[in-house]
Protein backbone atom coordinates (compact mmCIF):
# COMPACT_ATOMS: atom_id res chain seq x y z
CA UNK A 1 69.35 107.32 18.03
CA UNK A 2 70.83 103.69 18.20
CA UNK A 3 68.22 102.53 20.81
CA UNK A 4 65.49 104.46 19.23
CA UNK A 5 66.12 102.48 15.99
CA UNK A 6 65.98 99.06 17.47
CA UNK A 7 63.55 99.94 20.17
CA UNK A 8 60.68 98.97 17.59
CA UNK A 9 60.06 95.80 15.75
CA UNK A 10 61.00 96.39 12.00
CA UNK A 11 61.93 94.05 9.22
CA UNK A 12 65.04 96.06 8.72
CA UNK A 13 66.33 95.06 12.07
CA UNK A 14 66.49 91.38 11.06
CA UNK A 15 68.33 92.57 7.95
CA UNK A 16 71.00 94.20 9.94
CA UNK A 17 71.32 91.48 12.54
CA UNK A 18 71.62 88.78 9.72
CA UNK A 19 74.29 90.90 7.97
CA UNK A 20 76.30 91.24 11.27
CA UNK A 21 75.97 87.54 11.76
CA UNK A 22 77.09 86.93 8.09
CA UNK A 23 80.08 89.21 8.74
CA UNK A 24 81.03 87.03 11.89
CA UNK A 25 80.43 83.82 9.91
CA UNK A 26 82.71 84.81 6.96
CA UNK A 27 85.84 86.49 8.90
CA UNK A 28 87.20 82.95 10.12
CA UNK A 29 86.63 81.59 6.70
CA UNK A 30 88.50 84.46 4.74
CA UNK A 31 91.80 82.29 4.35
CA UNK A 32 89.99 79.34 2.80
CA UNK A 33 91.40 78.22 -0.63
CA UNK A 34 88.42 78.29 -2.86
CA UNK A 35 89.94 75.93 -5.46
CA UNK A 36 89.86 73.17 -2.69
CA UNK A 37 86.40 73.57 -1.81
CA UNK A 38 83.96 70.64 -2.57
CA UNK A 39 80.24 70.29 -2.43
CA UNK A 40 80.29 68.40 1.00
CA UNK A 41 82.19 71.35 2.65
CA UNK A 42 79.76 74.04 1.11
CA UNK A 43 76.83 72.18 2.18
CA UNK A 44 78.19 71.89 5.72
CA UNK A 45 78.90 75.65 5.90
CA UNK A 46 75.42 76.51 4.52
CA UNK A 47 73.87 74.16 7.33
CA UNK A 48 75.78 76.08 9.95
CA UNK A 49 74.95 79.61 8.71
CA UNK A 50 71.37 78.47 8.56
CA UNK A 51 71.33 76.99 12.02
CA UNK A 52 72.78 80.16 13.28
CA UNK A 53 70.18 82.09 11.63
CA UNK A 54 67.47 79.81 12.91
CA UNK A 55 68.90 80.27 16.52
CA UNK A 56 68.36 84.00 16.27
CA UNK A 57 64.75 83.54 14.98
CA UNK A 58 64.24 81.14 17.77
CA UNK A 59 65.69 83.49 20.43
CA UNK A 60 63.50 86.34 19.21
CA UNK A 61 60.40 83.95 19.36
CA UNK A 62 61.38 82.76 23.14
CA UNK A 63 61.60 86.55 24.07
CA UNK A 64 58.40 87.77 22.39
CA UNK A 65 56.40 84.67 23.40
CA UNK A 66 57.35 84.98 27.13
CA UNK A 67 57.53 88.87 27.35
CA UNK A 68 61.10 88.67 28.38
CA UNK A 69 61.78 92.18 27.02
CA UNK A 70 59.52 94.79 25.59
CA UNK A 71 58.72 94.77 21.83
CA UNK A 72 62.20 95.57 20.59
CA UNK A 73 65.02 93.61 18.74
CA UNK A 74 67.75 94.49 21.31
CA UNK A 75 68.43 90.69 22.22
CA UNK A 76 69.09 89.62 18.60
CA UNK A 77 71.28 92.55 17.93
CA UNK A 78 73.30 91.88 20.97
CA UNK A 79 73.51 88.08 19.99
CA UNK A 80 74.84 89.04 16.52
CA UNK A 81 77.34 91.46 18.06
CA UNK A 82 78.39 88.56 20.47
CA UNK A 83 79.24 86.52 17.67
CA UNK A 84 81.35 89.25 16.09
CA UNK A 85 83.30 89.75 19.40
CA UNK A 86 84.40 86.05 19.36
CA UNK A 87 84.06 84.85 15.91
CA UNK A 88 85.08 81.27 16.67
CA UNK A 89 81.52 80.81 17.86
CA UNK A 90 80.74 80.41 14.13
CA UNK A 91 83.41 77.87 13.31
CA UNK A 92 82.39 74.70 15.12
CA UNK A 93 79.44 72.86 13.81
CA UNK A 94 78.95 70.64 16.88
CA UNK A 95 78.78 73.72 19.19
CA UNK A 96 76.19 75.58 16.79
CA UNK A 97 73.90 72.50 16.53
CA UNK A 98 74.29 71.82 20.11
CA UNK A 99 73.37 75.41 21.11
CA UNK A 100 70.37 75.25 18.84
CA UNK A 101 68.97 72.29 20.66
CA UNK A 102 69.73 73.93 23.98
CA UNK A 103 67.56 76.91 22.76
CA UNK A 104 64.89 74.48 21.86
CA UNK A 105 64.92 73.15 25.35
CA UNK A 106 65.02 76.63 26.92
CA UNK A 107 61.90 77.46 24.97
CA UNK A 108 60.09 74.54 26.66
CA UNK A 109 61.40 75.22 30.12
CA UNK A 110 60.38 78.93 30.14
CA UNK A 111 56.88 77.79 28.74
CA UNK A 112 56.48 75.68 31.88
CA UNK A 113 55.15 78.94 33.57
CA UNK A 114 51.58 78.41 31.87
CA UNK A 115 51.43 74.90 33.91
CA UNK A 116 49.75 73.72 30.85
CA UNK A 117 50.93 70.20 29.22
CA UNK A 118 53.73 70.07 31.79
CA UNK A 119 54.66 66.45 31.20
CA UNK A 120 55.03 67.12 27.57
CA UNK A 121 57.16 70.09 28.20
CA UNK A 122 59.45 68.33 30.64
CA UNK A 123 59.98 65.59 28.15
CA UNK A 124 60.76 67.83 25.36
CA UNK A 125 63.12 69.88 27.21
CA UNK A 126 65.16 66.86 28.47
CA UNK A 127 65.01 65.31 24.99
CA UNK A 128 66.48 68.52 23.38
CA UNK A 129 69.25 68.81 26.01
CA UNK A 130 70.05 65.11 25.63
CA UNK A 131 70.24 65.65 21.73
CA UNK A 132 72.71 68.72 22.27
CA UNK A 133 74.80 66.40 24.37
CA UNK A 134 75.24 63.99 21.53
CA UNK A 135 76.92 67.04 19.70
CA UNK A 136 78.66 68.62 22.69
CA UNK A 137 79.05 66.87 25.92
CA UNK A 138 78.98 69.66 28.33
CA UNK A 139 75.74 70.94 27.13
CA UNK A 140 74.31 68.05 29.64
CA UNK A 141 74.92 70.90 32.36
CA UNK A 142 71.70 72.51 31.19
CA UNK A 143 69.80 69.37 32.29
CA UNK A 144 70.08 70.91 35.84
CA UNK A 145 68.15 74.11 34.48
CA UNK A 146 65.04 71.58 34.15
CA UNK A 147 65.30 70.43 37.80
CA UNK A 148 65.97 73.97 39.18
CA UNK A 149 62.89 75.25 37.28
CA UNK A 150 60.93 72.57 38.98
CA UNK A 151 62.27 73.65 42.27
CA UNK A 152 61.49 77.30 41.52
CA UNK A 153 57.95 76.30 40.85
CA UNK A 154 57.86 74.16 43.94
CA UNK A 155 56.46 71.38 42.01
CA UNK A 156 55.99 68.47 44.44
CA UNK A 157 54.60 66.04 41.70
CA UNK A 158 57.07 63.00 41.85
CA UNK A 159 56.18 62.22 38.21
CA UNK A 160 57.26 65.50 36.90
CA UNK A 161 60.98 64.92 38.50
CA UNK A 162 60.94 61.44 36.71
CA UNK A 163 59.88 62.64 33.32
CA UNK A 164 63.06 64.55 32.36
CA UNK A 165 65.28 61.50 32.88
CA UNK A 166 62.89 59.66 30.58
CA UNK A 167 63.63 62.19 27.96
CA UNK A 168 67.22 61.53 28.14
CA UNK A 169 66.68 57.84 28.18
CA UNK A 170 64.87 58.07 24.94
CA UNK A 171 67.78 59.75 23.23
CA UNK A 172 70.07 57.24 24.63
CA UNK A 173 68.04 54.39 23.22
CA UNK A 174 67.68 56.15 19.75
CA UNK A 175 71.46 56.82 19.89
CA UNK A 176 72.35 53.31 20.65
CA UNK A 177 69.94 51.89 17.84
CA UNK A 178 71.61 54.29 15.41
CA UNK A 179 74.98 53.33 16.46
CA UNK A 180 74.28 49.69 16.04
CA UNK A 181 73.01 50.19 12.50
CA UNK A 182 75.91 52.56 11.50
CA UNK A 183 78.86 51.09 13.47
CA UNK A 184 77.57 47.67 14.85
CA UNK A 185 78.52 48.94 18.20
CA UNK A 186 76.12 50.05 21.07
CA UNK A 187 78.07 53.30 21.97
CA UNK A 188 80.03 54.50 18.83
CA UNK A 189 77.67 57.27 18.31
CA UNK A 190 78.46 58.59 21.77
CA UNK A 191 81.68 60.72 22.44
CA UNK A 192 82.94 58.80 25.42
CA UNK A 193 86.02 60.76 25.85
CA UNK A 194 84.32 64.19 26.02
CA UNK A 195 83.75 64.04 29.75
CA UNK A 196 86.99 65.95 30.48
CA UNK A 197 87.77 68.81 32.48
CA UNK A 198 90.33 71.56 31.87
CA UNK A 199 91.17 74.83 33.59
CA UNK A 200 93.90 75.86 31.38
CA UNK A 201 92.77 79.26 30.15
CA UNK A 202 95.82 80.07 28.23
CA UNK A 203 94.22 79.97 24.94
CA UNK A 204 92.33 83.12 25.89
CA UNK A 205 95.56 85.05 26.55
CA UNK A 206 95.35 87.34 23.55
CA UNK A 207 94.26 90.93 23.22
CA UNK A 208 90.98 90.02 21.24
CA UNK A 209 89.98 87.39 23.79
CA UNK A 210 90.94 89.32 26.97
CA UNK A 211 89.00 92.61 25.68
CA UNK A 212 86.06 90.63 24.41
CA UNK A 213 85.75 88.43 27.58
CA UNK A 214 86.33 91.29 30.12
CA UNK A 215 83.73 93.49 28.43
CA UNK A 216 81.05 90.74 28.08
CA UNK A 217 81.55 89.51 31.72
CA UNK A 218 81.71 92.99 33.12
CA UNK A 219 78.63 94.11 31.21
CA UNK A 220 76.89 91.08 31.93
CA UNK A 221 77.55 91.10 35.58
CA UNK A 222 76.42 94.81 35.79
CA UNK A 223 73.38 94.18 33.78
CA UNK A 224 72.38 90.99 36.00
CA UNK A 225 72.66 93.02 39.04
CA UNK A 226 69.86 95.26 37.81
CA UNK A 227 68.07 92.31 36.06
CA UNK A 228 67.70 90.48 39.33
CA UNK A 229 66.50 93.55 41.24
CA UNK A 230 63.77 94.15 38.67
CA UNK A 231 62.56 90.72 38.91
CA UNK A 232 60.33 91.55 41.91
CA UNK A 233 58.62 94.15 39.88
CA UNK A 234 57.27 91.64 37.32
CA UNK A 235 54.14 89.94 37.51
CA UNK A 236 54.53 86.94 39.71
CA UNK A 237 53.66 84.43 36.81
CA UNK A 238 56.91 85.79 34.95
CA UNK A 239 59.21 85.85 37.68
CA UNK A 240 60.49 82.22 37.35
CA UNK A 241 61.05 82.77 33.73
CA UNK A 242 63.41 85.60 34.50
CA UNK A 243 65.19 83.52 37.00
CA UNK A 244 65.55 80.89 34.49
CA UNK A 245 67.40 83.05 32.14
CA UNK A 246 69.88 84.11 34.73
CA UNK A 247 70.62 80.42 35.77
CA UNK A 248 71.10 79.61 31.90
CA UNK A 249 73.62 82.40 31.73
CA UNK A 250 75.48 81.03 34.82
CA UNK A 251 75.41 77.52 33.27
CA UNK A 252 76.50 78.88 29.99
CA UNK A 253 79.72 80.42 31.59
CA UNK A 254 80.23 77.31 33.70
CA UNK A 255 80.61 75.41 30.54
CA UNK A 256 83.30 77.81 29.44
CA UNK A 257 85.17 77.09 32.77
CA UNK A 258 84.98 73.36 32.52
CA UNK A 259 85.34 72.60 28.79
CA UNK A 260 88.66 71.16 27.84
CA UNK A 261 88.75 72.60 24.20
CA UNK A 262 88.88 76.20 25.08
CA UNK A 263 88.78 77.58 21.27
CA UNK A 264 86.46 80.30 21.87
CA UNK A 265 83.09 78.59 20.51
CA UNK A 266 82.12 77.50 24.14
CA UNK A 267 81.00 81.15 24.84
CA UNK A 268 78.09 80.68 22.35
CA UNK A 269 76.09 78.81 25.11
CA UNK A 270 76.26 81.95 27.31
CA UNK A 271 75.26 84.31 24.46
CA UNK A 272 71.39 83.92 24.46
CA UNK A 273 70.73 84.54 28.18
CA UNK A 274 73.34 87.12 28.23
CA UNK A 275 71.82 88.81 25.35
CA UNK A 276 68.28 88.87 27.18
CA UNK A 277 69.80 90.11 30.18
CA UNK A 278 71.59 93.00 28.71
CA UNK A 279 68.76 93.90 26.44
CA UNK A 280 66.39 93.85 29.63
CA UNK A 281 68.99 96.28 31.17
CA UNK A 282 69.20 98.71 28.28
CA UNK A 283 65.33 98.96 28.55
CA UNK A 284 65.61 100.11 32.08
CA UNK A 285 68.17 102.77 31.63
CA UNK A 286 66.43 106.09 32.38
CA UNK A 287 69.33 108.43 31.33
CA UNK A 288 69.13 108.53 27.53
CA UNK A 289 72.82 109.42 26.95
CA UNK A 290 74.00 106.55 29.01
CA UNK A 291 71.49 104.21 27.13
CA UNK A 292 73.04 105.26 23.83
CA UNK A 293 76.68 104.98 25.22
CA UNK A 294 75.99 101.55 26.44
CA UNK A 295 74.73 100.13 23.33
CA UNK A 296 77.23 102.16 21.19
CA UNK A 297 80.28 100.54 23.18
CA UNK A 298 78.73 97.03 22.44
CA UNK A 299 78.44 97.86 18.74
CA UNK A 300 81.74 99.61 18.15
CA UNK A 301 84.08 97.37 20.30
CA UNK A 302 83.68 94.12 18.07
CA UNK A 303 84.52 96.14 14.86
CA UNK A 304 87.58 97.65 16.54
CA UNK A 305 88.80 94.18 17.67
CA UNK A 306 88.39 93.17 13.99
CA UNK A 307 91.21 95.71 13.12
CA UNK A 308 93.69 94.48 15.97
């Protein structure tokens, strides 16, 4: 029943997904004193929420445009549920905006499969990742995704390997110019102390984090095993796109490992590729009862965690 409902593209699916997202966004803000609110704070919160909604629509566009799953809405449902699993992912504006730029970059990277306007796509992909880095430094790890994609396409054109660095340089020049105008300093706009690594995972030592992380990682690894196994069944032109999604998920979890500020928001970078991998796996499950159980667990657990 659950899988049948989301197995078809319907407007009501977006309404449900946006409601779950709104719930995940509202929960961390329940203790806010409304009498202390100002217009700037409200504007910031609206901007964050709209960016999350835009990220969901962008994720859906990427999946449909590149045939990463069948015609359904499993990936956006899972993305919204992941937000509910770890509600801190909706609290930090810098992470939300950085993740949106990473998705813009992922869109351009995956579209390289058409081998059309390659130079423009490489520049755009690097530009958006560099923009994401301005908001959250460790987003820079996704730059490796561009180079790995070129390697997967066995691209020997030297200019194609240089262009991504020009995209980063463009953002650096724009950022420096902006910094001079605003702060009379070349590098004030850049967070020069952000390149710090920490392996202190003690902030995750709560029941909510342990259950959510264990479930997401275990389900993710299980699904990735079948996902990788099914890549060879895809058309040759699509295979690199599917591999890029796996690499994006690995980079997303690598950010979780190295980031110094482990407040839960860093998991947002892994949610989009993880949602695609799980959605693809759900489609391949032949046993109807197991398919329903798999999705039911992912739907019920975040609501149970809210009551703990």
